[in-house]
Amino acid sequence: MKGSLVCVGVGMTLGSHITPLSRSYIEKADVVFALMSDAIVELWVQEMHPDVRSLQPYYSEGTSRLTSYKAMIEAMLVEVRAGKKVCGAFYGHPGVFAWVPHRAIELARQEGYAAHMEPGVSAEDCLYADLGIDPGKYGCAHFEASQFMFYQRRIDPSAYLILWQVGVAGDQSLARFSTGAAYRQVLVDILAQDYPLDHEVIIYQAATLPIQKARMERVRLADLVAADIDMQVTLVVPPCQALQPNSLVQSLLAGIDGLEAV
């Protein structure tokens, strides 16, 4: 018998978001590897299976996250190669801001093993619900905060801008659990090229336990530097400009409509 790998998402809030199919994969696996957002959530996953192995210990301050990720992947693939049905259970969606599940599935397939991913409720889904944002109303652009800083990206101030992992914004070492005010000042300076410093932004963090409430703190862009921010925080920058009509394209489409009406 060949081993297999499935990576599932358990959602953001304990017990509220997991799908019946993802739960079934966890319960029927030979071994489960878990990376959760909260120790209590991990205990909840352990109730579903007698052999749940935490991936959290692979993280350590001062060690590159890339090194930690590779160790997590190898731990899972060792069991796949041993012929076991392996389930990787990840908080949120296993394919959203999660390098390990994507890479593990890719490598397992390269070695000839069956491997796939099952979706889950992500922090992005919770963000839309908690903040009442419809991404189709004005448009919505998402970036990982450090990548946004490292590269030249085009910003549309008439759309929502969502920056993920702001707590480690600007970290080039991949070995820190947080970066300080000096790094966030660089981020603010970049944003200030397109947004006023008194523009209201939202510090967002989804609830991981049913007894918690999501963090939805509104601050001025300039005050982001001194804000209390950790690795789980997402920054939401609402539009500061109205949508600008593209008169040329509208006229072109009106002409097409007229031709079709003939």
C-alpha atoms as a PDB file:
ATOM      1  CA  MET A   1       0.000   0.000   0.000  1.00  0.00           C
ATOM      2  CA  LYS A   2       1.222   3.435  -0.915  1.00  0.00           C
ATOM      3  CA  GLY A   3       1.029   6.316   1.471  1.00  0.00           C
ATOM      4  CA  SER A   4      -1.011   9.440   0.808  1.00  0.00           C
ATOM      5  CA  LEU A   5      -1.251  13.017   1.973  1.00  0.00           C
ATOM      6  CA  VAL A   6      -4.198  15.340   2.404  1.00  0.00           C
ATOM      7  CA  CYS A   7      -3.926  18.853   3.841  1.00  0.00           C
ATOM      8  CA  VAL A   8      -7.150  20.171   5.356  1.00  0.00           C
ATOM      9  CA  GLY A   9      -8.270  23.436   6.925  1.00  0.00           C
ATOM     10  CA  VAL A  10     -10.109  23.546  10.232  1.00  0.00           C
ATOM     11  CA  GLY A  11     -11.137  27.195   9.859  1.00  0.00           C
ATOM     12  CA  MET A  12     -10.331  30.075  12.165  1.00  0.00           C
ATOM     13  CA  THR A  13     -12.726  29.646  15.103  1.00  0.00           C
ATOM     14  CA  LEU A  14     -12.669  26.450  17.155  1.00  0.00           C
ATOM     15  CA  GLY A  15     -15.390  24.016  16.104  1.00  0.00           C
ATOM     16  CA  SER A  16     -17.277  26.543  13.991  1.00  0.00           C
ATOM     17  CA  HIS A  17     -15.714  26.295  10.553  1.00  0.00           C
ATOM     18  CA  ILE A  18     -14.507  22.749   9.926  1.00  0.00           C
ATOM     19  CA  THR A  19     -16.266  20.870   7.124  1.00  0.00           C
ATOM     20  CA  PRO A  20     -17.558  17.299   7.557  1.00  0.00           C
ATOM     21  CA  LEU A  21     -15.111  16.112   4.881  1.00  0.00           C
ATOM     22  CA  SER A  22     -12.080  17.670   6.585  1.00  0.00           C
ATOM     23  CA  ARG A  23     -13.129  16.161   9.913  1.00  0.00           C
ATOM     24  CA  SER A  24     -13.470  12.768   8.226  1.00  0.00           C
ATOM     25  CA  TYR A  25      -9.943  12.971   6.808  1.00  0.00           C
ATOM     26  CA  ILE A  26      -8.580  13.775  10.263  1.00  0.00           C
ATOM     27  CA  GLU A  27     -10.472  10.914  11.919  1.00  0.00           C
ATOM     28  CA  LYS A  28      -9.574   8.301   9.298  1.00  0.00           C
ATOM     29  CA  ALA A  29      -5.894   9.138   8.859  1.00  0.00           C
ATOM     30  CA  ASP A  30      -3.124   6.920  10.198  1.00  0.00           C
ATOM     31  CA  VAL A  31      -1.303   9.969  11.549  1.00  0.00           C
ATOM     32  CA  VAL A  32      -2.243  13.642  11.792  1.00  0.00           C
ATOM     33  CA  PHE A  33       0.155  16.588  11.809  1.00  0.00           C
ATOM     34  CA  ALA A  34      -1.375  19.792  13.186  1.00  0.00           C
ATOM     35  CA  LEU A  35      -0.419  23.448  12.994  1.00  0.00           C
ATOM     36  CA  MET A  36      -2.998  25.481  14.867  1.00  0.00           C
ATOM     37  CA  SER A  37      -3.355  29.133  15.827  1.00  0.00           C
ATOM     38  CA  ASP A  38      -4.081  28.380  19.468  1.00  0.00           C
ATOM     39  CA  ALA A  39      -3.084  25.645  21.947  1.00  0.00           C
ATOM     40  CA  ILE A  40      -6.749  25.089  22.850  1.00  0.00           C
ATOM     41  CA  VAL A  41      -7.601  24.541  19.185  1.00  0.00           C
ATOM     42  CA  GLU A  42      -4.801  21.981  18.996  1.00  0.00           C
ATOM     43  CA  LEU A  43      -6.256  20.114  21.977  1.00  0.00           C
ATOM     44  CA  TRP A  44      -9.601  20.073  20.171  1.00  0.00           C
ATOM     45  CA  VAL A  45      -7.962  18.480  17.112  1.00  0.00           C
ATOM     46  CA  GLN A  46      -6.324  15.886  19.363  1.00  0.00           C
ATOM     47  CA  GLU A  47      -9.789  14.756  20.437  1.00  0.00           C
ATOM     48  CA  MET A  48     -10.471  13.631  16.854  1.00  0.00           C
ATOM     49  CA  HIS A  49      -7.503  11.264  16.541  1.00  0.00           C
ATOM     50  CA  PRO A  50      -5.180   9.325  18.888  1.00  0.00           C
ATOM     51  CA  ASP A  51      -2.004  10.264  16.987  1.00  0.00           C
ATOM     52  CA  VAL A  52      -1.894  14.025  16.445  1.00  0.00           C
ATOM     53  CA  ARG A  53       1.613  15.473  16.199  1.00  0.00           C
ATOM     54  CA  SER A  54       2.087  19.196  16.616  1.00  0.00           C
ATOM     55  CA  LEU A  55       4.175  21.070  14.070  1.00  0.00           C
ATOM     56  CA  GLN A  56       4.464  24.092  16.364  1.00  0.00           C
ATOM     57  CA  PRO A  57       7.747  22.942  18.028  1.00  0.00           C
ATOM     58  CA  TYR A  58       9.542  23.292  14.701  1.00  0.00           C
ATOM     59  CA  TYR A  59       9.365  27.066  15.135  1.00  0.00           C
ATOM     60  CA  SER A  60      12.060  28.775  17.193  1.00  0.00           C
ATOM     61  CA  GLU A  61      13.199  32.373  17.564  1.00  0.00           C
ATOM     62  CA  GLY A  62      16.338  32.986  15.525  1.00  0.00           C
ATOM     63  CA  THR A  63      15.759  30.052  13.166  1.00  0.00           C
ATOM     64  CA  SER A  64      14.677  30.862   9.637  1.00  0.00           C
ATOM     65  CA  ARG A  65      11.029  30.016   9.091  1.00  0.00           C
ATOM     66  CA  LEU A  66      12.072  28.436   5.805  1.00  0.00           C
ATOM     67  CA  THR A  67      14.204  25.944   7.759  1.00  0.00           C
ATOM     68  CA  SER A  68      11.250  25.232  10.061  1.00  0.00           C
ATOM     69  CA  TYR A  69       8.906  24.760   7.102  1.00  0.00           C
ATOM     70  CA  LYS A  70      11.232  22.268   5.418  1.00  0.00           C
ATOM     71  CA  ALA A  71      11.454  20.259   8.652  1.00  0.00           C
ATOM     72  CA  MET A  72       7.649  20.173   8.922  1.00  0.00           C
ATOM     73  CA  ILE A  73       7.339  18.942   5.353  1.00  0.00           C
ATOM     74  CA  GLU A  74       9.934  16.233   5.856  1.00  0.00           C
ATOM     75  CA  ALA A  75       8.202  15.027   9.036  1.00  0.00           C
ATOM     76  CA  MET A  76       4.985  14.513   7.081  1.00  0.00           C
ATOM     77  CA  LEU A  77       6.624  12.937   4.049  1.00  0.00           C
ATOM     78  CA  VAL A  78       8.547  10.426   6.165  1.00  0.00           C
ATOM     79  CA  GLU A  79       5.209   8.950   7.216  1.00  0.00           C
ATOM     80  CA  VAL A  80       3.817   9.091   3.669  1.00  0.00           C
ATOM     81  CA  ARG A  81       6.863   7.158   2.413  1.00  0.00           C
ATOM     82  CA  ALA A  82       6.237   4.622   5.171  1.00  0.00           C
ATOM     83  CA  GLY A  83       2.892   3.840   3.516  1.00  0.00           C
ATOM     84  CA  LYS A  84       0.634   5.746   5.894  1.00  0.00           C
ATOM     85  CA  LYS A  85      -2.409   7.887   5.205  1.00  0.00           C
ATOM     86  CA  VAL A  86      -1.200  11.250   6.451  1.00  0.00           C
ATOM     87  CA  CYS A  87      -3.399  14.250   7.188  1.00  0.00           C
ATOM     88  CA  GLY A  88      -1.963  17.706   7.687  1.00  0.00           C
ATOM     89  CA  ALA A  89      -4.464  19.833   9.623  1.00  0.00           C
ATOM     90  CA  PHE A  90      -3.903  23.586   9.436  1.00  0.00           C
ATOM     91  CA  TYR A  91      -5.816  26.494  10.922  1.00  0.00           C
ATOM     92  CA  GLY A  92      -7.799  28.593   8.482  1.00  0.00           C
ATOM     93  CA  HIS A  93      -7.428  27.556   4.852  1.00  0.00           C
ATOM     94  CA  PRO A  94      -4.423  25.276   4.214  1.00  0.00           C
ATOM     95  CA  GLY A  95      -3.626  27.053   0.971  1.00  0.00           C
ATOM     96  CA  VAL A  96      -3.852  30.685   2.101  1.00  0.00           C
ATOM     97  CA  PHE A  97      -0.574  32.194   3.340  1.00  0.00           C
ATOM     98  CA  ALA A  98       0.617  28.668   4.052  1.00  0.00           C
ATOM     99  CA  TRP A  99       3.735  27.480   2.222  1.00  0.00           C
ATOM    100  CA  VAL A 100       4.034  24.107   3.956  1.00  0.00           C
ATOM    101  CA  PRO A 101       0.840  22.453   2.638  1.00  0.00           C
ATOM    102  CA  HIS A 102       1.439  23.574  -0.950  1.00  0.00           C
ATOM    103  CA  ARG A 103       5.056  22.402  -0.957  1.00  0.00           C
ATOM    104  CA  ALA A 104       4.318  19.136   0.856  1.00  0.00           C
ATOM    105  CA  ILE A 105       1.628  18.238  -1.684  1.00  0.00           C
ATOM    106  CA  GLU A 106       3.921  19.188  -4.555  1.00  0.00           C
ATOM    107  CA  LEU A 107       6.772  16.996  -3.285  1.00  0.00           C
ATOM    108  CA  ALA A 108       4.487  14.069  -2.455  1.00  0.00           C
ATOM    109  CA  ARG A 109       3.102  14.102  -5.998  1.00  0.00           C
ATOM    110  CA  GLN A 110       6.610  14.283  -7.454  1.00  0.00           C
ATOM    111  CA  GLU A 111       7.437  11.111  -5.521  1.00  0.00           C
ATOM    112  CA  GLY A 112       4.353   9.369  -6.887  1.00  0.00           C
ATOM    113  CA  TYR A 113       2.024   9.601  -3.906  1.00  0.00           C
ATOM    114  CA  ALA A 114      -1.598  10.693  -3.951  1.00  0.00           C
ATOM    115  CA  ALA A 115      -1.855  14.164  -2.402  1.00  0.00           C
ATOM    116  CA  HIS A 116      -4.474  16.896  -2.397  1.00  0.00           C
ATOM    117  CA  MET A 117      -5.892  19.820  -0.433  1.00  0.00           C
ATOM    118  CA  GLU A 118      -9.289  20.460   1.144  1.00  0.00           C
ATOM    119  CA  PRO A 119     -10.313  24.095   1.700  1.00  0.00           C
ATOM    120  CA  GLY A 120     -11.233  25.750   4.959  1.00  0.00           C
ATOM    121  CA  VAL A 121     -12.590  29.062   6.212  1.00  0.00           C
ATOM    122  CA  SER A 122      -9.692  31.513   6.100  1.00  0.00           C
ATOM    123  CA  ALA A 123      -8.957  34.727   7.966  1.00  0.00           C
ATOM    124  CA  GLU A 124      -9.880  36.521   4.756  1.00  0.00           C
ATOM    125  CA  ASP A 125     -13.387  35.040   4.882  1.00  0.00           C
ATOM    126  CA  CYS A 126     -13.756  36.102   8.519  1.00  0.00           C
ATOM    127  CA  LEU A 127     -12.469  39.577   7.689  1.00  0.00           C
ATOM    128  CA  TYR A 128     -15.163  40.158   5.081  1.00  0.00           C
ATOM    129  CA  ALA A 129     -17.868  39.006   7.501  1.00  0.00           C
ATOM    130  CA  ASP A 130     -16.605  40.861  10.588  1.00  0.00           C
ATOM    131  CA  LEU A 131     -15.884  44.166   8.853  1.00  0.00           C
ATOM    132  CA  GLY A 132     -18.842  44.034   6.492  1.00  0.00           C
ATOM    133  CA  ILE A 133     -16.662  44.337   3.402  1.00  0.00           C
ATOM    134  CA  ASP A 134     -17.827  43.172  -0.010  1.00  0.00           C
ATOM    135  CA  PRO A 135     -14.634  42.833  -2.110  1.00  0.00           C
ATOM    136  CA  GLY A 136     -16.710  43.290  -5.254  1.00  0.00           C
ATOM    137  CA  LYS A 137     -17.946  46.773  -4.319  1.00  0.00           C
ATOM    138  CA  TYR A 138     -14.728  48.728  -4.777  1.00  0.00           C
ATOM    139  CA  GLY A 139     -12.221  45.958  -5.456  1.00  0.00           C
ATOM    140  CA  CYS A 140      -9.710  44.463  -3.045  1.00  0.00           C
ATOM    141  CA  ALA A 141      -5.947  43.887  -3.327  1.00  0.00           C
ATOM    142  CA  HIS A 142      -4.111  41.496  -0.995  1.00  0.00           C
ATOM    143  CA  PHE A 143      -0.377  41.433  -0.284  1.00  0.00           C
ATOM    144  CA  GLU A 144       1.922  39.858   2.277  1.00  0.00           C
ATOM    145  CA  ALA A 145       3.257  42.900   4.132  1.00  0.00           C
ATOM    146  CA  SER A 146       6.988  42.213   3.699  1.00  0.00           C
ATOM    147  CA  GLN A 147       6.617  41.353   0.026  1.00  0.00           C
ATOM    148  CA  PHE A 148       4.645  44.563  -0.402  1.00  0.00           C
ATOM    149  CA  MET A 149       7.599  46.466   1.073  1.00  0.00           C
ATOM    150  CA  PHE A 150      10.366  44.626  -0.785  1.00  0.00           C
ATOM    151  CA  TYR A 151       8.973  45.105  -4.286  1.00  0.00           C
ATOM    152  CA  GLN A 152       7.480  47.923  -6.318  1.00  0.00           C
ATOM    153  CA  ARG A 153       3.726  47.371  -6.289  1.00  0.00           C
ATOM    154  CA  ARG A 154       1.019  49.524  -7.828  1.00  0.00           C
ATOM    155  CA  ILE A 155      -1.582  50.727  -5.326  1.00  0.00           C
ATOM    156  CA  ASP A 156      -5.142  51.665  -6.235  1.00  0.00           C
ATOM    157  CA  PRO A 157      -6.374  54.032  -3.471  1.00  0.00           C
ATOM    158  CA  SER A 158      -9.955  53.622  -4.695  1.00  0.00           C
ATOM    159  CA  ALA A 159      -9.935  49.936  -3.659  1.00  0.00           C
ATOM    160  CA  TYR A 160      -9.384  48.132  -0.359  1.00  0.00           C
ATOM    161  CA  LEU A 161      -5.769  47.253   0.414  1.00  0.00           C
ATOM    162  CA  ILE A 162      -5.237  44.224   2.693  1.00  0.00           C
ATOM    163  CA  LEU A 163      -1.771  43.590   4.133  1.00  0.00           C
ATOM    164  CA  TRP A 164      -1.141  40.251   5.853  1.00  0.00           C
ATOM    165  CA  GLN A 165       1.434  39.356   8.532  1.00  0.00           C
ATOM    166  CA  VAL A 166       2.059  42.983   9.472  1.00  0.00           C
ATOM    167  CA  GLY A 167       3.639  41.853  12.744  1.00  0.00           C
ATOM    168  CA  VAL A 168       6.757  40.714  10.863  1.00  0.00           C
ATOM    169  CA  ALA A 169       6.644  43.395   8.167  1.00  0.00           C
ATOM    170  CA  GLY A 170      10.090  44.128   6.780  1.00  0.00           C
ATOM    171  CA  ASP A 171      11.781  41.000   8.180  1.00  0.00           C
ATOM    172  CA  GLN A 172      14.338  39.828   5.636  1.00  0.00           C
ATOM    173  CA  SER A 173      15.836  37.150   7.908  1.00  0.00           C
ATOM    174  CA  LEU A 174      12.643  35.036   8.183  1.00  0.00           C
ATOM    175  CA  ALA A 175      13.860  34.337  11.725  1.00  0.00           C
ATOM    176  CA  ARG A 176      11.930  36.878  13.802  1.00  0.00           C
ATOM    177  CA  PHE A 177       8.555  36.463  15.462  1.00  0.00           C
ATOM    178  CA  SER A 178       7.985  40.224  15.291  1.00  0.00           C
ATOM    179  CA  THR A 179       9.490  43.437  13.968  1.00  0.00           C
ATOM    180  CA  GLY A 180       9.380  46.740  15.763  1.00  0.00           C
ATOM    181  CA  ALA A 181       8.231  50.295  15.253  1.00  0.00           C
ATOM    182  CA  ALA A 182      11.143  51.218  12.976  1.00  0.00           C
ATOM    183  CA  TYR A 183      10.038  48.601  10.445  1.00  0.00           C
ATOM    184  CA  ARG A 184       6.417  49.707  10.609  1.00  0.00           C
ATOM    185  CA  GLN A 185       7.522  53.289  10.068  1.00  0.00           C
ATOM    186  CA  VAL A 186       8.970  52.216   6.730  1.00  0.00           C
ATOM    187  CA  LEU A 187       5.639  50.604   5.870  1.00  0.00           C
ATOM    188  CA  VAL A 188       3.751  53.760   6.880  1.00  0.00           C
ATOM    189  CA  ASP A 189       6.084  55.878   4.755  1.00  0.00           C
ATOM    190  CA  ILE A 190       5.344  53.678   1.745  1.00  0.00           C
ATOM    191  CA  LEU A 191       1.595  53.886   2.311  1.00  0.00           C
ATOM    192  CA  ALA A 192       1.790  57.651   2.891  1.00  0.00           C
ATOM    193  CA  GLN A 193       2.736  58.059  -0.763  1.00  0.00           C
ATOM    194  CA  ASP A 194      -0.877  57.192  -1.641  1.00  0.00           C
ATOM    195  CA  TYR A 195      -2.850  57.739   1.592  1.00  0.00           C
ATOM    196  CA  PRO A 196      -3.071  60.723   3.991  1.00  0.00           C
ATOM    197  CA  LEU A 197      -1.450  60.104   7.375  1.00  0.00           C
ATOM    198  CA  ASP A 198      -4.795  60.807   9.068  1.00  0.00           C
ATOM    199  CA  HIS A 199      -6.533  58.187   6.910  1.00  0.00           C
ATOM    200  CA  GLU A 200      -8.331  55.614   9.068  1.00  0.00           C
ATOM    201  CA  VAL A 201      -6.995  52.050   8.804  1.00  0.00           C
ATOM    202  CA  ILE A 202      -8.195  48.914  10.575  1.00  0.00           C
ATOM    203  CA  ILE A 203      -6.100  46.516  12.648  1.00  0.00           C
ATOM    204  CA  TYR A 204      -7.876  43.177  12.280  1.00  0.00           C
ATOM    205  CA  GLN A 205      -7.499  39.782  13.923  1.00  0.00           C
ATOM    206  CA  ALA A 206     -10.027  36.965  13.593  1.00  0.00           C
ATOM    207  CA  ALA A 207     -11.352  35.212  16.694  1.00  0.00           C
ATOM    208  CA  THR A 208      -9.942  31.723  17.266  1.00  0.00           C
ATOM    209  CA  LEU A 209     -12.224  30.752  20.171  1.00  0.00           C
ATOM    210  CA  PRO A 210     -16.043  31.047  20.337  1.00  0.00           C
ATOM    211  CA  ILE A 211     -15.757  33.141  23.505  1.00  0.00           C
ATOM    212  CA  GLN A 212     -13.523  35.689  21.794  1.00  0.00           C
ATOM    213  CA  LYS A 213     -14.419  38.661  19.658  1.00  0.00           C
ATOM    214  CA  ALA A 214     -12.539  39.655  16.561  1.00  0.00           C
ATOM    215  CA  ARG A 215     -10.150  42.573  16.960  1.00  0.00           C
ATOM    216  CA  MET A 216     -11.288  45.485  14.785  1.00  0.00           C
ATOM    217  CA  GLU A 217      -9.301  48.492  15.931  1.00  0.00           C
ATOM    218  CA  ARG A 218      -9.499  51.683  13.881  1.00  0.00           C
ATOM    219  CA  VAL A 219      -6.486  53.985  14.020  1.00  0.00           C
ATOM    220  CA  ARG A 220      -4.933  56.735  11.938  1.00  0.00           C
ATOM    221  CA  LEU A 221      -2.294  55.552   9.486  1.00  0.00           C
ATOM    222  CA  ALA A 222       0.307  57.629  11.347  1.00  0.00           C
ATOM    223  CA  ASP A 223      -0.552  55.844  14.629  1.00  0.00           C
ATOM    224  CA  LEU A 224       0.094  52.393  13.178  1.00  0.00           C
ATOM    225  CA  VAL A 225       3.767  52.688  14.171  1.00  0.00           C
ATOM    226  CA  ALA A 226       2.959  52.641  17.908  1.00  0.00           C
ATOM    227  CA  ALA A 227       0.101  50.117  17.731  1.00  0.00           C
ATOM    228  CA  ASP A 228       0.135  46.725  19.490  1.00  0.00           C
ATOM    229  CA  ILE A 229       0.693  44.283  16.623  1.00  0.00           C
ATOM    230  CA  ASP A 230       1.659  40.599  16.526  1.00  0.00           C
ATOM    231  CA  MET A 231       2.079  37.960  13.817  1.00  0.00           C
ATOM    232  CA  GLN A 232      -1.674  37.281  13.544  1.00  0.00           C
ATOM    233  CA  VAL A 233      -2.633  40.864  12.747  1.00  0.00           C
ATOM    234  CA  THR A 234      -3.893  41.975   9.344  1.00  0.00           C
ATOM    235  CA  LEU A 235      -4.000  45.600   8.200  1.00  0.00           C
ATOM    236  CA  VAL A 236      -7.034  46.799   6.252  1.00  0.00           C
ATOM    237  CA  VAL A 237      -6.656  50.085   4.391  1.00  0.00           C
ATOM    238  CA  PRO A 238     -10.067  51.325   3.130  1.00  0.00           C
ATOM    239  CA  PRO A 239     -10.298  53.397  -0.053  1.00  0.00           C
ATOM    240  CA  CYS A 240      -9.367  57.055   0.234  1.00  0.00           C
ATOM    241  CA  GLN A 241     -10.477  58.050  -3.257  1.00  0.00           C
ATOM    242  CA  ALA A 242     -13.641  57.647  -5.282  1.00  0.00           C
ATOM    243  CA  LEU A 243     -13.686  55.364  -8.318  1.00  0.00           C
ATOM    244  CA  GLN A 244     -12.612  57.307 -11.409  1.00  0.00           C
ATOM    245  CA  PRO A 245     -14.761  56.662 -14.515  1.00  0.00           C
ATOM    246  CA  ASN A 246     -12.945  55.500 -17.643  1.00  0.00           C
ATOM    247  CA  SER A 247     -14.849  57.645 -20.142  1.00  0.00           C
ATOM    248  CA  LEU A 248     -12.993  56.257 -23.147  1.00  0.00           C
ATOM    249  CA  VAL A 249     -13.905  52.663 -22.397  1.00  0.00           C
ATOM    250  CA  GLN A 250     -17.475  53.589 -21.490  1.00  0.00           C
ATOM    251  CA  SER A 251     -17.889  55.356 -24.818  1.00  0.00           C
ATOM    252  CA  LEU A 252     -16.423  52.377 -26.648  1.00  0.00           C
ATOM    253  CA  LEU A 253     -18.840  50.006 -24.939  1.00  0.00           C
ATOM    254  CA  ALA A 254     -21.757  52.334 -25.623  1.00  0.00           C
ATOM    255  CA  GLY A 255     -20.839  52.194 -29.305  1.00  0.00           C
ATOM    256  CA  ILE A 256     -20.769  48.399 -29.204  1.00  0.00           C
ATOM    257  CA  ASP A 257     -24.163  48.361 -27.512  1.00  0.00           C
ATOM    258  CA  GLY A 258     -25.482  50.606 -30.290  1.00  0.00           C
ATOM    259  CA  LEU A 259     -24.174  48.323 -33.029  1.00  0.00           C
ATOM    260  CA  GLU A 260     -25.698  45.274 -31.368  1.00  0.00           C
ATOM    261  CA  ALA A 261     -29.068  47.041 -31.104  1.00  0.00           C
ATOM    262  CA  VAL A 262     -29.208  47.580 -34.902  1.00  0.00           C
END
